[in-house]
Amino acid sequence: MKLTKKFLRFSIVGVMVLLAELLVFNFVINADATFLLGRVIALIVGLSLSFTLNRRYTFRAQNREVIKQLPKFIILYVITIALDIIISVSLNNALPQSNIYSNIAVVTGIAVSGVINFIGLNNWVFKKKK
């Protein structure tokens, strides 16, 4: 599959994950939880959804061993989630305090980590053997 088609599929999955994360994030912070707790819970939901959809839909890796892919996926996501949290919390602290600015901070963190995720998923986690 061409890289542009993979990236398009990755982007579609990313939008679905983003919407799921925002839904969970807003539900949690509207229940009077902290920004960080809302972000962490939303990331866990996004992580599970992302692995499943990217594995099956974007990279079509369902016939290869999950046991080899999952540890790589987790390592990649630990790195990019840390980056996402650093970016989103830093922006949230720098911007005026309101739900709209909190959401802008979240989307920015997701966008930056998303590019790094695509590169890592394509070239390491779900890389096809030649």
C-alpha atoms as a PDB file:
ATOM      1  CA  MET A   1       0.000   0.000   0.000  1.00  0.00           C
ATOM      2  CA  LYS A   2       1.287   3.435  -0.871  1.00  0.00           C
ATOM      3  CA  LEU A   3       2.505   5.650   1.917  1.00  0.00           C
ATOM      4  CA  THR A   4      -0.079   8.345   1.086  1.00  0.00           C
ATOM      5  CA  LYS A   5      -2.928   5.822   1.323  1.00  0.00           C
ATOM      6  CA  LYS A   6      -1.573   4.582   4.651  1.00  0.00           C
ATOM      7  CA  PHE A   7      -1.318   8.127   5.919  1.00  0.00           C
ATOM      8  CA  LEU A   8      -4.900   8.834   4.824  1.00  0.00           C
ATOM      9  CA  ARG A   9      -6.112   5.731   6.651  1.00  0.00           C
ATOM     10  CA  PHE A  10      -3.986   6.666   9.664  1.00  0.00           C
ATOM     11  CA  SER A  11      -5.546  10.135   9.594  1.00  0.00           C
ATOM     12  CA  ILE A  12      -9.076   8.716   9.500  1.00  0.00           C
ATOM     13  CA  VAL A  13      -8.263   6.483  12.460  1.00  0.00           C
ATOM     14  CA  GLY A  14      -6.637   9.473  14.149  1.00  0.00           C
ATOM     15  CA  VAL A  15      -9.779  11.568  13.800  1.00  0.00           C
ATOM     16  CA  MET A  16     -11.843   8.743  15.276  1.00  0.00           C
ATOM     17  CA  VAL A  17      -9.381   8.396  18.174  1.00  0.00           C
ATOM     18  CA  LEU A  18      -9.287  12.181  18.642  1.00  0.00           C
ATOM     19  CA  LEU A  19     -13.086  12.370  18.881  1.00  0.00           C
ATOM     20  CA  ALA A  20     -13.144   9.470  21.340  1.00  0.00           C
ATOM     21  CA  GLU A  21     -10.416  11.093  23.438  1.00  0.00           C
ATOM     22  CA  LEU A  22     -12.146  14.466  23.461  1.00  0.00           C
ATOM     23  CA  LEU A  23     -15.441  12.871  24.454  1.00  0.00           C
ATOM     24  CA  VAL A  24     -13.814  10.988  27.330  1.00  0.00           C
ATOM     25  CA  PHE A  25     -11.679  13.993  28.342  1.00  0.00           C
ATOM     26  CA  ASN A  26     -14.676  16.326  28.526  1.00  0.00           C
ATOM     27  CA  PHE A  27     -16.760  13.764  30.395  1.00  0.00           C
ATOM     28  CA  VAL A  28     -14.018  13.349  33.007  1.00  0.00           C
ATOM     29  CA  ILE A  29     -13.225  17.054  33.523  1.00  0.00           C
ATOM     30  CA  ASN A  30     -16.934  17.913  33.654  1.00  0.00           C
ATOM     31  CA  ALA A  31     -17.130  15.438  36.543  1.00  0.00           C
ATOM     32  CA  ASP A  32     -14.746  17.816  38.392  1.00  0.00           C
ATOM     33  CA  ALA A  33     -11.598  15.776  37.793  1.00  0.00           C
ATOM     34  CA  THR A  34      -8.282  17.500  37.126  1.00  0.00           C
ATOM     35  CA  PHE A  35      -7.059  18.273  33.628  1.00  0.00           C
ATOM     36  CA  LEU A  36      -4.235  15.752  33.978  1.00  0.00           C
ATOM     37  CA  LEU A  37      -6.528  12.940  35.140  1.00  0.00           C
ATOM     38  CA  GLY A  38      -8.907  13.647  32.270  1.00  0.00           C
ATOM     39  CA  ARG A  39      -6.030  13.586  29.829  1.00  0.00           C
ATOM     40  CA  VAL A  40      -4.589  10.315  31.161  1.00  0.00           C
ATOM     41  CA  ILE A  41      -7.937   8.507  31.088  1.00  0.00           C
ATOM     42  CA  ALA A  42      -8.639   9.788  27.571  1.00  0.00           C
ATOM     43  CA  LEU A  43      -5.191   8.654  26.423  1.00  0.00           C
ATOM     44  CA  ILE A  44      -5.784   5.125  27.717  1.00  0.00           C
ATOM     45  CA  VAL A  45      -9.030   4.932  25.732  1.00  0.00           C
ATOM     46  CA  GLY A  46      -7.266   6.365  22.683  1.00  0.00           C
ATOM     47  CA  LEU A  47      -4.382   3.917  23.016  1.00  0.00           C
ATOM     48  CA  SER A  48      -6.649   0.886  22.946  1.00  0.00           C
ATOM     49  CA  LEU A  49      -8.699   2.166  20.039  1.00  0.00           C
ATOM     50  CA  SER A  50      -5.617   3.232  18.088  1.00  0.00           C
ATOM     51  CA  PHE A  51      -3.866  -0.137  18.339  1.00  0.00           C
ATOM     52  CA  THR A  52      -6.926  -2.045  17.212  1.00  0.00           C
ATOM     53  CA  LEU A  53      -7.901   0.217  14.304  1.00  0.00           C
ATOM     54  CA  ASN A  54      -4.384   0.892  13.037  1.00  0.00           C
ATOM     55  CA  ARG A  55      -3.432  -2.760  13.187  1.00  0.00           C
ATOM     56  CA  ARG A  56      -6.496  -3.924  11.273  1.00  0.00           C
ATOM     57  CA  TYR A  57      -7.369  -0.990   9.034  1.00  0.00           C
ATOM     58  CA  THR A  58      -4.331   1.211   8.431  1.00  0.00           C
ATOM     59  CA  PHE A  59      -1.486  -1.288   8.293  1.00  0.00           C
ATOM     60  CA  ARG A  60      -3.515  -4.468   7.710  1.00  0.00           C
ATOM     61  CA  ALA A  61      -1.283  -6.358  10.109  1.00  0.00           C
ATOM     62  CA  GLN A  62      -3.888  -8.747  11.518  1.00  0.00           C
ATOM     63  CA  ASN A  63      -2.082 -11.824  10.149  1.00  0.00           C
ATOM     64  CA  ARG A  64       1.161 -11.036  11.949  1.00  0.00           C
ATOM     65  CA  GLU A  65       1.854 -11.791  15.564  1.00  0.00           C
ATOM     66  CA  VAL A  66       0.352  -9.426  18.090  1.00  0.00           C
ATOM     67  CA  ILE A  67       2.898 -10.631  20.637  1.00  0.00           C
ATOM     68  CA  LYS A  68       5.671  -8.911  18.640  1.00  0.00           C
ATOM     69  CA  GLN A  69       3.695  -5.803  17.733  1.00  0.00           C
ATOM     70  CA  LEU A  70       2.138  -4.937  21.073  1.00  0.00           C
ATOM     71  CA  PRO A  71       5.390  -4.328  23.026  1.00  0.00           C
ATOM     72  CA  LYS A  72       6.707  -2.086  20.252  1.00  0.00           C
ATOM     73  CA  PHE A  73       3.378  -0.255  20.118  1.00  0.00           C
ATOM     74  CA  ILE A  74       3.447   0.288  23.878  1.00  0.00           C
ATOM     75  CA  ILE A  75       7.037   1.594  23.816  1.00  0.00           C
ATOM     76  CA  LEU A  76       6.225   3.982  20.966  1.00  0.00           C
ATOM     77  CA  TYR A  77       3.080   5.191  22.675  1.00  0.00           C
ATOM     78  CA  VAL A  78       4.726   5.656  26.088  1.00  0.00           C
ATOM     79  CA  ILE A  79       7.196   8.008  24.417  1.00  0.00           C
ATOM     80  CA  THR A  80       4.595   9.860  22.384  1.00  0.00           C
ATOM     81  CA  ILE A  81       2.048   9.990  25.228  1.00  0.00           C
ATOM     82  CA  ALA A  82       4.704  11.585  27.436  1.00  0.00           C
ATOM     83  CA  LEU A  83       5.357  14.124  24.687  1.00  0.00           C
ATOM     84  CA  ASP A  84       1.607  14.659  24.240  1.00  0.00           C
ATOM     85  CA  ILE A  85       1.104  15.249  27.967  1.00  0.00           C
ATOM     86  CA  ILE A  86       4.072  17.621  28.205  1.00  0.00           C
ATOM     87  CA  ILE A  87       2.770  19.652  25.258  1.00  0.00           C
ATOM     88  CA  SER A  88      -0.885  19.686  26.318  1.00  0.00           C
ATOM     89  CA  VAL A  89      -0.218  20.453  30.003  1.00  0.00           C
ATOM     90  CA  SER A  90       2.311  23.166  29.100  1.00  0.00           C
ATOM     91  CA  LEU A  91      -0.140  24.790  26.702  1.00  0.00           C
ATOM     92  CA  ASN A  92      -2.995  24.434  29.164  1.00  0.00           C
ATOM     93  CA  ASN A  93      -0.898  26.222  31.786  1.00  0.00           C
ATOM     94  CA  ALA A  94       0.118  28.961  29.330  1.00  0.00           C
ATOM     95  CA  LEU A  95      -3.339  29.643  27.880  1.00  0.00           C
ATOM     96  CA  PRO A  96      -6.296  31.273  29.629  1.00  0.00           C
ATOM     97  CA  GLN A  97      -8.223  28.751  31.734  1.00  0.00           C
ATOM     98  CA  SER A  98     -11.376  27.654  29.918  1.00  0.00           C
ATOM     99  CA  ASN A  99     -12.692  24.474  28.338  1.00  0.00           C
ATOM    100  CA  ILE A 100     -12.053  25.741  24.804  1.00  0.00           C
ATOM    101  CA  TYR A 101      -8.393  26.472  25.533  1.00  0.00           C
ATOM    102  CA  SER A 102      -8.025  23.151  27.327  1.00  0.00           C
ATOM    103  CA  ASN A 103      -9.344  21.435  24.211  1.00  0.00           C
ATOM    104  CA  ILE A 104      -6.927  23.410  22.020  1.00  0.00           C
ATOM    105  CA  ALA A 105      -4.082  22.211  24.251  1.00  0.00           C
ATOM    106  CA  VAL A 106      -5.274  18.606  23.939  1.00  0.00           C
ATOM    107  CA  VAL A 107      -5.628  18.767  20.132  1.00  0.00           C
ATOM    108  CA  THR A 108      -2.153  20.280  19.776  1.00  0.00           C
ATOM    109  CA  GLY A 109      -0.590  17.515  21.877  1.00  0.00           C
ATOM    110  CA  ILE A 110      -2.415  14.881  19.850  1.00  0.00           C
ATOM    111  CA  ALA A 111      -1.375  16.411  16.502  1.00  0.00           C
ATOM    112  CA  VAL A 112       2.337  16.566  17.327  1.00  0.00           C
ATOM    113  CA  SER A 113       2.437  13.067  18.797  1.00  0.00           C
ATOM    114  CA  GLY A 114       0.349  11.781  15.872  1.00  0.00           C
ATOM    115  CA  VAL A 115       3.016  12.543  13.290  1.00  0.00           C
ATOM    116  CA  ILE A 116       5.638  10.772  15.371  1.00  0.00           C
ATOM    117  CA  ASN A 117       3.257   7.831  15.854  1.00  0.00           C
ATOM    118  CA  PHE A 118       2.690   7.375  12.118  1.00  0.00           C
ATOM    119  CA  ILE A 119       6.408   7.274  11.439  1.00  0.00           C
ATOM    120  CA  GLY A 120       6.987   4.783  14.260  1.00  0.00           C
ATOM    121  CA  LEU A 121       4.025   2.563  13.373  1.00  0.00           C
ATOM    122  CA  ASN A 122       4.921   2.450   9.699  1.00  0.00           C
ATOM    123  CA  ASN A 123       8.666   1.967  10.102  1.00  0.00           C
ATOM    124  CA  TRP A 124       8.848  -0.137  13.246  1.00  0.00           C
ATOM    125  CA  VAL A 125       5.680  -1.532  14.858  1.00  0.00           C
ATOM    126  CA  PHE A 126       3.817  -2.743  11.758  1.00  0.00           C
ATOM    127  CA  LYS A 127       6.714  -2.757   9.320  1.00  0.00           C
ATOM    128  CA  LYS A 128       6.275  -5.461   6.697  1.00  0.00           C
ATOM    129  CA  LYS A 129       9.193  -7.777   6.143  1.00  0.00           C
ATOM    130  CA  LYS A 130      10.739  -7.567   2.708  1.00  0.00           C
END
